[in-house]
Amino acid sequence: MHRRSLCLFLACACVYGVLTNEAHARRGRSRGSSYSSSSSGSLEIAPFSDRQSASHRSLGVYYNYNRANAPTVAYTDKIRVFLAVSDQQVLRAKESLVAEVKIVDLSNYGQFKLRFYPVTLEAAPDGKYTYGSFDVTNADEARPVVEPAKVYRLFVNLHRKSEKYGTYTVIGRIAAPYYVATAGETRIDRARQQIAMRTFREFYYRQQGWNSGEKYAMDCYAYYMWATGFCTVGSQNERTQLARLFGNGVPYNSGGQIPQLGQKGPIHGDYVRKPGHSFMLLAYDPKLQHVWTMEGNFNSTVEVAIRSVGSDWTMGHLRDEHIRRGLFPRLRNLVHGQ
């Protein structure tokens, strides 16, 4: 089959799959509360808000993924959240601003941790926004809040600083989840972190109705090729060529192998193809026995979803040999697997 014909076939297949088996979960925008079932199992759109904070005022505060995605802030043991603030009530409280963070590890979705961290805002605005940040850290923790090579989701409310926090201190909520991946010490872990952060920025921009400036076909297959193409061996025009990664020496895995691989190590950035659709994995939750996914061309947008694993899936598990050399200078002298 000629390449042009193959691309057309894949695009049509993705559209057909999304508009039939997948789109039901998105109807009504009741995010996180509706399921659809098909021959491939259950599907849920990931919750877009925290029910416990739903009554709080939605703030004019946004996540600044442009700063967060820089490799220099890809930490293994903390998460730096960058903010862009236009909300006047928040700005008036800038000297005593605290972030209430509800954080969950996507591989252990049944548990969350609630922590409070001081927010620092810059002295002067830059155009429309005043920029700032806060750090989610492991300081004074018996068990770490943040671990290497993990994917997390944060819901954030902002408070005035107080000895105790409640409805009387809350200013409001940031009206979106914050998805973030931590780095690891190996090259493949660093690549996975950058892949995930690239897609999280695109997801956030889509949900806000902003133009990210990225150019790729609204096609599930093309979305994955774009998301990973900056770092993979054999990519063309910064688009991954799966045939260069999997086949002879490195075969595909089956969907039934995802639980084993997901418990053994990171899977964010991995590729999945199922009948009529393809997407990127974010995490596997062994207790709930489902995966979190990032999906392009999900009813003509980008979505984070939760799926039961399908035995008919084909999985491409990224390895060190799939990542181009020289991307992470600090790791050039590390031995593979160290």
Protein backbone atom coordinates (compact mmCIF):
# COMPACT_ATOMS: atom_id res chain seq x y z
CA MET A 1 0.00 0.00 0.00
CA HIS A 2 1.40 3.40 -0.91
CA ARG A 3 2.24 5.74 1.97
CA ARG A 4 -0.37 8.29 0.94
CA SER A 5 -3.07 5.64 0.78
CA LEU A 6 -1.97 4.23 4.14
CA CYS A 7 -2.21 7.64 5.81
CA LEU A 8 -5.69 8.18 4.37
CA PHE A 9 -6.79 4.77 5.57
CA LEU A 10 -5.49 5.39 9.09
CA ALA A 11 -7.16 8.79 9.28
CA CYS A 12 -10.50 7.34 8.22
CA ALA A 13 -10.16 4.49 10.68
CA CYS A 14 -9.46 6.86 13.56
CA VAL A 15 -12.43 9.09 12.72
CA TYR A 16 -14.76 6.13 12.40
CA GLY A 17 -13.66 4.61 15.69
CA VAL A 18 -13.95 7.86 17.62
CA LEU A 19 -17.36 8.78 16.25
CA THR A 20 -18.83 5.38 17.07
CA ASN A 21 -17.37 3.61 20.10
CA GLU A 22 -15.76 6.62 21.78
CA ALA A 23 -17.94 9.69 21.34
CA HIS A 24 -20.71 8.51 23.69
CA ALA A 25 -18.52 9.14 26.72
CA ARG A 26 -18.21 12.81 25.81
CA ARG A 27 -21.85 13.64 25.11
CA GLY A 28 -23.33 16.16 27.51
CA ARG A 29 -19.86 17.15 28.79
CA SER A 30 -20.58 15.33 32.07
CA ARG A 31 -16.91 14.65 32.37
CA GLY A 32 -15.79 11.80 34.57
CA SER A 33 -19.31 10.59 35.32
CA SER A 34 -20.30 8.80 32.12
CA TYR A 35 -19.05 5.55 30.70
CA SER A 36 -19.38 3.84 27.38
CA SER A 37 -18.85 0.16 26.73
CA SER A 38 -17.81 -1.63 23.58
CA SER A 39 -16.09 -4.82 22.60
CA SER A 40 -12.87 -3.24 23.90
CA GLY A 41 -14.25 -2.60 27.41
CA SER A 42 -15.20 0.46 29.44
CA LEU A 43 -14.21 4.07 28.72
CA GLU A 44 -14.45 7.15 30.90
CA ILE A 45 -13.44 10.74 30.23
CA ALA A 46 -11.14 11.78 33.08
CA PRO A 47 -12.77 14.20 35.55
CA PHE A 48 -12.11 17.82 34.67
CA SER A 49 -12.90 19.24 38.11
CA ASP A 50 -12.86 18.26 41.77
CA ARG A 51 -16.38 17.81 43.10
CA GLN A 52 -15.37 18.97 46.58
CA SER A 53 -14.25 22.32 45.13
CA ALA A 54 -17.07 22.76 42.62
CA SER A 55 -18.74 25.53 44.65
CA HIS A 56 -15.58 27.67 44.77
CA ARG A 57 -15.26 30.63 42.44
CA SER A 58 -13.41 29.92 39.21
CA LEU A 59 -10.30 32.11 39.18
CA GLY A 60 -8.58 34.02 36.42
CA VAL A 61 -5.48 31.91 37.02
CA TYR A 62 -3.94 29.65 34.38
CA TYR A 63 -1.19 27.07 34.19
CA ASN A 64 1.90 28.19 32.34
CA TYR A 65 3.01 25.04 30.52
CA ASN A 66 5.46 27.04 28.41
CA ARG A 67 7.69 27.39 31.46
CA ALA A 68 6.80 24.04 33.01
CA ASN A 69 7.87 22.09 29.92
CA ALA A 70 11.47 23.30 29.97
CA PRO A 71 13.95 20.43 30.60
CA THR A 72 15.66 22.57 33.26
CA VAL A 73 12.62 22.20 35.55
CA ALA A 74 12.11 18.48 34.91
CA TYR A 75 12.75 17.37 38.49
CA THR A 76 12.72 13.86 39.91
CA ASP A 77 11.64 14.73 43.46
CA LYS A 78 9.43 17.81 43.17
CA ILE A 79 6.94 19.50 40.87
CA ARG A 80 7.20 23.20 40.07
CA VAL A 81 3.82 24.56 38.98
CA PHE A 82 3.98 27.80 37.00
CA LEU A 83 1.01 30.19 37.03
CA ALA A 84 -0.24 33.12 34.96
CA VAL A 85 -2.55 35.33 37.04
CA SER A 86 -4.98 38.03 35.93
CA ASP A 87 -7.46 37.68 38.82
CA GLN A 88 -7.43 40.88 40.89
CA GLN A 89 -8.53 39.24 44.11
CA VAL A 90 -5.63 36.82 43.87
CA LEU A 91 -3.20 39.63 43.11
CA ARG A 92 -4.35 41.60 46.16
CA ALA A 93 -3.50 38.59 48.34
CA LYS A 94 -0.12 37.98 46.69
CA GLU A 95 1.95 38.43 49.86
CA SER A 96 0.06 35.67 51.70
CA LEU A 97 -1.03 33.34 48.92
CA VAL A 98 -1.16 29.57 49.51
CA ALA A 99 -2.00 26.75 47.10
CA GLU A 100 -4.16 23.88 48.33
CA VAL A 101 -3.05 20.93 46.20
CA LYS A 102 -4.97 17.68 45.82
CA ILE A 103 -2.48 15.38 44.14
CA VAL A 104 -2.97 11.86 42.83
CA ASP A 105 -0.54 9.42 41.24
CA LEU A 106 -2.34 8.07 38.17
CA SER A 107 -1.00 4.59 38.88
CA ASN A 108 -2.77 4.69 42.26
CA TYR A 109 -5.88 6.68 41.47
CA GLY A 110 -7.83 5.49 44.51
CA GLN A 111 -5.68 7.57 46.88
CA PHE A 112 -4.86 11.26 46.98
CA LYS A 113 -2.79 13.56 49.17
CA LEU A 114 -3.83 17.05 50.25
CA ARG A 115 -1.05 19.55 50.88
CA PHE A 116 -0.60 23.34 51.20
CA TYR A 117 2.32 25.20 49.58
CA PRO A 118 3.21 28.92 49.52
CA VAL A 119 2.81 30.71 46.18
CA THR A 120 5.32 33.27 44.95
CA LEU A 121 4.23 35.93 42.45
CA GLU A 122 6.56 38.20 40.53
CA ALA A 123 6.69 41.84 41.55
CA ALA A 124 5.34 43.33 38.34
CA PRO A 125 2.94 42.13 35.65
CA ASP A 126 4.11 41.23 32.17
CA GLY A 127 1.35 42.48 29.92
CA LYS A 128 -1.95 40.87 30.89
CA TYR A 129 -0.53 38.44 33.44
CA THR A 130 1.48 38.38 36.62
CA TYR A 131 3.55 35.21 36.68
CA GLY A 132 4.29 33.01 39.65
CA SER A 133 4.91 29.49 40.88
CA PHE A 134 4.82 27.05 43.77
CA ASP A 135 6.68 23.81 44.47
CA VAL A 136 5.12 20.49 45.43
CA THR A 137 7.91 18.94 47.51
CA ASN A 138 8.76 16.01 49.77
CA ALA A 139 9.96 18.19 52.65
CA ASP A 140 9.07 16.85 56.11
CA GLU A 141 7.24 13.88 54.61
CA ALA A 142 7.47 10.35 56.01
CA ARG A 143 6.44 9.07 52.58
CA PRO A 144 7.28 11.01 49.41
CA VAL A 145 4.55 13.02 47.75
CA VAL A 146 6.53 13.13 44.50
CA GLU A 147 8.50 10.21 43.04
CA PRO A 148 10.65 9.90 39.90
CA ALA A 149 9.22 8.88 36.52
CA LYS A 150 5.57 9.21 37.55
CA VAL A 151 2.51 10.95 36.14
CA TYR A 152 0.34 13.05 38.47
CA ARG A 153 -2.87 15.03 38.36
CA LEU A 154 -3.35 18.09 40.57
CA PHE A 155 -6.47 20.02 41.49
CA VAL A 156 -5.57 23.41 42.96
CA ASN A 157 -7.44 25.94 45.12
CA LEU A 158 -5.89 29.21 46.24
CA HIS A 159 -6.18 30.51 49.82
CA ARG A 160 -5.10 33.41 51.95
CA LYS A 161 -2.44 32.23 54.38
CA SER A 162 -3.90 31.08 57.69
CA GLU A 163 -3.21 28.75 60.61
CA LYS A 164 -6.15 26.64 59.43
CA TYR A 165 -7.76 26.46 56.01
CA GLY A 166 -11.41 26.21 55.04
CA THR A 167 -14.16 27.98 53.13
CA TYR A 168 -13.38 31.18 55.03
CA THR A 169 -9.82 31.33 53.61
CA VAL A 170 -10.39 30.09 50.07
CA ILE A 171 -10.22 32.64 47.26
CA GLY A 172 -11.25 30.21 44.54
CA ARG A 173 -10.22 27.30 42.35
CA ILE A 174 -8.13 26.98 39.22
CA ALA A 175 -10.73 25.63 36.84
CA ALA A 176 -8.78 22.79 35.27
CA PRO A 177 -6.67 19.81 36.30
CA TYR A 178 -2.91 20.09 36.08
CA TYR A 179 -1.25 17.02 34.57
CA VAL A 180 2.49 16.66 35.05
CA ALA A 181 5.20 14.02 34.69
CA THR A 182 8.37 13.84 36.76
CA ALA A 183 11.76 13.01 35.32
CA GLY A 184 13.92 9.98 36.03
CA GLU A 185 17.65 9.35 36.05
CA THR A 186 17.76 7.41 32.78
CA ARG A 187 17.55 8.74 29.24
CA ILE A 188 14.31 6.92 28.45
CA ASP A 189 12.69 8.32 31.62
CA ARG A 190 13.72 11.84 30.59
CA ALA A 191 12.28 11.28 27.13
CA ARG A 192 9.01 9.98 28.56
CA GLN A 193 8.72 13.07 30.76
CA GLN A 194 9.20 15.43 27.83
CA ILE A 195 6.73 13.48 25.65
CA ALA A 196 4.08 13.58 28.36
CA MET A 197 4.56 17.29 29.09
CA ARG A 198 4.27 18.10 25.40
CA THR A 199 0.87 16.42 25.22
CA PHE A 200 -0.28 17.92 28.54
CA ARG A 201 0.34 21.40 27.17
CA GLU A 202 -1.63 20.58 24.04
CA PHE A 203 -4.49 19.10 26.09
CA TYR A 204 -4.63 22.19 28.31
CA TYR A 205 -4.58 24.58 25.37
CA ARG A 206 -7.40 22.67 23.68
CA GLN A 207 -9.54 22.77 26.81
CA GLN A 208 -8.97 26.52 27.14
CA GLY A 209 -9.79 27.12 23.47
CA TRP A 210 -6.31 28.52 22.84
CA ASN A 211 -4.16 28.09 19.76
CA SER A 212 -0.99 26.26 20.74
CA GLY A 213 0.71 26.92 17.42
CA GLU A 214 1.38 23.21 16.91
CA LYS A 215 0.69 21.81 13.46
CA TYR A 216 -0.49 18.23 13.07
CA ALA A 217 -3.46 16.54 11.48
CA MET A 218 -6.42 16.00 13.82
CA ASP A 219 -5.94 12.30 13.59
CA CYS A 220 -5.28 9.86 16.44
CA TYR A 221 -2.30 8.24 14.72
CA ALA A 222 -0.83 11.58 13.61
CA TYR A 223 -1.18 12.95 17.15
CA TYR A 224 1.08 10.25 18.57
CA MET A 225 3.58 10.69 15.74
CA TRP A 226 3.73 14.42 16.52
CA ALA A 227 3.94 13.91 20.29
CA THR A 228 6.96 11.62 20.12
CA GLY A 229 8.67 12.65 16.87
CA PHE A 230 11.06 15.18 18.44
CA CYS A 231 12.99 12.44 20.24
CA THR A 232 12.64 9.13 18.37
CA VAL A 233 15.21 7.40 16.18
CA GLY A 234 14.38 7.55 12.48
CA SER A 235 11.76 10.30 12.77
CA GLN A 236 11.01 12.32 9.64
CA ASN A 237 10.00 15.99 9.82
CA GLU A 238 9.79 15.49 13.62
CA ARG A 239 7.21 12.75 13.18
CA THR A 240 7.82 9.28 14.58
CA GLN A 241 8.04 6.42 12.09
CA LEU A 242 6.75 3.40 13.99
CA ALA A 243 8.21 1.00 11.45
CA ARG A 244 11.67 2.21 12.48
CA LEU A 245 10.99 1.43 16.15
CA PHE A 246 9.08 -1.83 16.16
CA GLY A 247 9.17 -4.92 14.02
CA ASN A 248 12.34 -6.94 13.62
CA GLY A 249 14.46 -6.61 16.75
CA VAL A 250 11.85 -4.94 19.01
CA PRO A 251 8.41 -6.48 18.53
CA TYR A 252 5.08 -5.02 19.57
CA ASN A 253 3.47 -6.20 22.80
CA SER A 254 -0.12 -7.30 23.22
CA GLY A 255 -2.66 -5.43 25.33
CA GLY A 256 -2.59 -8.31 27.80
CA GLN A 257 1.03 -7.46 28.63
CA ILE A 258 0.25 -3.88 29.72
CA PRO A 259 -0.43 -4.79 33.39
CA GLN A 260 2.95 -6.51 33.66
CA LEU A 261 4.82 -3.68 31.94
CA GLY A 262 2.89 -1.01 33.86
CA GLN A 263 3.79 -2.49 37.23
CA LYS A 264 7.39 -3.07 36.20
CA GLY A 265 8.12 0.51 35.17
CA PRO A 266 6.88 3.67 33.43
CA ILE A 267 4.63 3.38 30.36
CA HIS A 268 3.79 7.04 29.72
CA GLY A 269 4.61 7.79 26.10
CA ASP A 270 3.90 4.23 24.92
CA TYR A 271 1.80 3.63 21.82
CA VAL A 272 -1.45 1.63 21.62
CA ARG A 273 -3.44 0.65 18.57
CA LYS A 274 -6.88 -0.90 18.91
CA PRO A 275 -9.45 -1.56 16.17
CA GLY A 276 -10.37 1.84 14.73
CA HIS A 277 -8.31 4.04 17.03
CA SER A 278 -4.86 4.65 18.55
CA PHE A 279 -3.63 6.62 21.57
CA MET A 280 -0.81 7.17 24.05
CA LEU A 281 -0.56 5.54 27.48
CA LEU A 282 -0.03 7.56 30.66
CA ALA A 283 -0.24 5.05 33.52
CA TYR A 284 -1.59 1.68 34.62
CA ASP A 285 -3.48 1.37 37.90
CA PRO A 286 -3.11 -2.23 39.17
CA LYS A 287 -5.76 -1.85 41.89
CA LEU A 288 -8.47 -0.62 39.54
CA GLN A 289 -6.98 -2.52 36.58
CA HIS A 290 -7.29 0.26 34.04
CA VAL A 291 -5.05 2.59 32.08
CA TRP A 292 -4.97 6.36 31.76
CA THR A 293 -4.54 7.55 28.18
CA MET A 294 -3.91 10.72 26.17
CA GLU A 295 -5.92 10.70 22.95
CA GLY A 296 -5.90 12.87 19.85
CA ASN A 297 -8.95 13.16 17.60
CA PHE A 298 -11.26 12.19 20.44
CA ASN A 299 -14.46 13.67 18.99
CA SER A 300 -12.30 16.27 17.19
CA THR A 301 -10.33 17.32 20.23
CA VAL A 302 -7.70 16.02 22.69
CA GLU A 303 -8.78 14.16 25.82
CA VAL A 304 -7.43 12.31 28.84
CA ALA A 305 -9.36 9.08 29.24
CA ILE A 306 -9.56 6.05 31.53
CA ARG A 307 -9.94 2.65 29.86
CA SER A 308 -10.11 -0.98 30.77
CA VAL A 309 -7.32 -2.84 28.98
CA GLY A 310 -8.29 -4.62 25.78
CA SER A 311 -6.77 -7.98 24.89
CA ASP A 312 -7.02 -7.03 21.20
CA TRP A 313 -4.75 -4.00 21.66
CA THR A 314 -1.29 -3.73 20.12
CA MET A 315 1.25 -1.88 22.27
CA GLY A 316 4.55 -0.28 21.33
CA HIS A 317 6.69 -0.06 24.49
CA LEU A 318 9.40 2.60 24.21
CA ARG A 319 12.96 1.62 25.10
CA ASP A 320 16.30 3.39 25.37
CA GLU A 321 17.31 2.38 21.83
CA HIS A 322 14.27 4.25 20.48
CA ILE A 323 15.54 7.62 21.75
CA ARG A 324 17.92 9.78 19.74
CA ARG A 325 21.35 10.36 21.22
CA GLY A 326 22.46 13.73 22.53
CA LEU A 327 19.06 15.00 23.75
CA PHE A 328 19.97 14.98 27.43
CA PRO A 329 23.61 16.05 27.90
CA ARG A 330 23.69 15.24 31.62
CA LEU A 331 22.99 11.61 30.79
CA ARG A 332 25.47 11.06 27.98
CA ASN A 333 27.89 9.11 30.18
CA LEU A 334 25.29 6.96 31.92
CA VAL A 335 25.26 3.25 31.16
CA HIS A 336 21.92 1.97 29.84
CA GLY A 337 19.91 0.58 32.70
CA GLN A 338 21.96 2.34 35.39
